[in-house]
Amino acid sequence: MAMNFQALMQMKTLWQRFTNNHPKFPAFLRAVQPEIREGSVLSISVKNPEGKVIESNLKVTASDIELIEAFKQMV
């Protein structure tokens, strides 16, 4: 699979914009990163402007850790 450097650069630009808009989020990721290991459970909830909440979670697998490590190398 060939790497699309243009898409990679666009992702970097979008990530920088995201972190400028939400400066506490990268610090949160750094704080939780040591705690994310196989068997950990990640939970997420989304509340829309009308107040509807959707929640989900996932149990972290070894392949998830591999993906997380790859993402860490990108940012």
Protein backbone atom coordinates (compact mmCIF):
# COMPACT_ATOMS: atom_id res chain seq x y z
CA MET A 1 0.00 0.00 0.00
CA ALA A 2 1.54 3.29 -1.11
CA MET A 3 1.67 6.20 1.31
CA ASN A 4 -0.17 9.32 0.18
CA PHE A 5 2.08 12.12 1.41
CA GLN A 6 -0.39 14.82 0.36
CA ALA A 7 -3.09 13.24 2.50
CA LEU A 8 -0.60 12.88 5.35
CA MET A 9 0.27 16.58 5.17
CA GLN A 10 -3.41 17.48 5.08
CA MET A 11 -4.00 15.35 8.19
CA LYS A 12 -1.15 17.15 9.95
CA THR A 13 -2.68 20.53 9.07
CA LEU A 14 -6.12 19.41 10.25
CA TRP A 15 -4.65 18.04 13.50
CA GLN A 16 -2.88 21.35 14.15
CA ARG A 17 -6.14 23.23 13.60
CA PHE A 18 -7.97 20.79 15.90
CA THR A 19 -5.39 21.20 18.66
CA ASN A 20 -5.51 25.00 18.30
CA ASN A 21 -9.29 24.84 18.75
CA HIS A 22 -9.08 22.34 21.64
CA PRO A 23 -5.73 22.95 23.39
CA LYS A 24 -6.51 20.77 26.43
CA PHE A 25 -7.15 17.65 24.35
CA PRO A 26 -3.50 16.84 23.53
CA ALA A 27 -2.63 17.20 27.22
CA PHE A 28 -5.45 14.80 28.05
CA LEU A 29 -4.14 12.29 25.49
CA ARG A 30 -0.64 12.55 26.97
CA ALA A 31 -2.04 12.00 30.47
CA VAL A 32 -4.08 8.91 29.58
CA GLN A 33 -1.61 7.35 27.13
CA PRO A 34 0.32 5.39 29.79
CA GLU A 35 -2.98 3.91 31.04
CA ILE A 36 -4.12 2.65 27.63
CA ARG A 37 -3.01 -0.94 27.35
CA GLU A 38 -4.52 -4.22 26.28
CA GLY A 39 -7.68 -4.84 28.29
CA SER A 40 -8.37 -1.15 28.97
CA VAL A 41 -11.86 0.07 28.12
CA LEU A 42 -12.25 3.32 26.17
CA SER A 43 -15.62 5.04 26.53
CA ILE A 44 -17.00 7.90 24.49
CA SER A 45 -20.20 9.88 24.65
CA VAL A 46 -21.52 12.47 22.25
CA LYS A 47 -24.18 15.01 23.21
CA ASN A 48 -25.74 16.88 20.30
CA PRO A 49 -27.04 20.47 20.60
CA GLU A 50 -30.55 19.15 21.31
CA GLY A 51 -29.28 17.15 24.29
CA LYS A 52 -29.42 13.64 22.79
CA VAL A 53 -26.58 11.48 24.15
CA ILE A 54 -25.04 8.52 22.33
CA GLU A 55 -22.49 6.41 24.19
CA SER A 56 -20.23 3.51 23.29
CA ASN A 57 -17.09 1.78 24.52
CA LEU A 58 -14.47 -0.64 23.31
CA LYS A 59 -12.04 -3.00 24.95
CA VAL A 60 -8.47 -2.34 23.75
CA THR A 61 -6.75 -5.22 21.93
CA ALA A 62 -3.10 -5.75 21.02
CA SER A 63 -3.80 -4.64 17.43
CA ASP A 64 -5.41 -1.45 18.78
CA ILE A 65 -2.17 -0.69 20.63
CA GLU A 66 -0.28 -1.17 17.36
CA LEU A 67 -2.56 1.38 15.66
CA ILE A 68 -2.18 3.85 18.54
CA GLU A 69 1.62 3.54 18.31
CA ALA A 70 1.48 4.21 14.56
CA PHE A 71 -0.66 7.32 15.13
CA LYS A 72 1.78 8.57 17.76
CA GLN A 73 4.55 8.44 15.17
CA MET A 74 2.47 10.62 12.81
CA VAL A 75 1.81 13.52 15.22
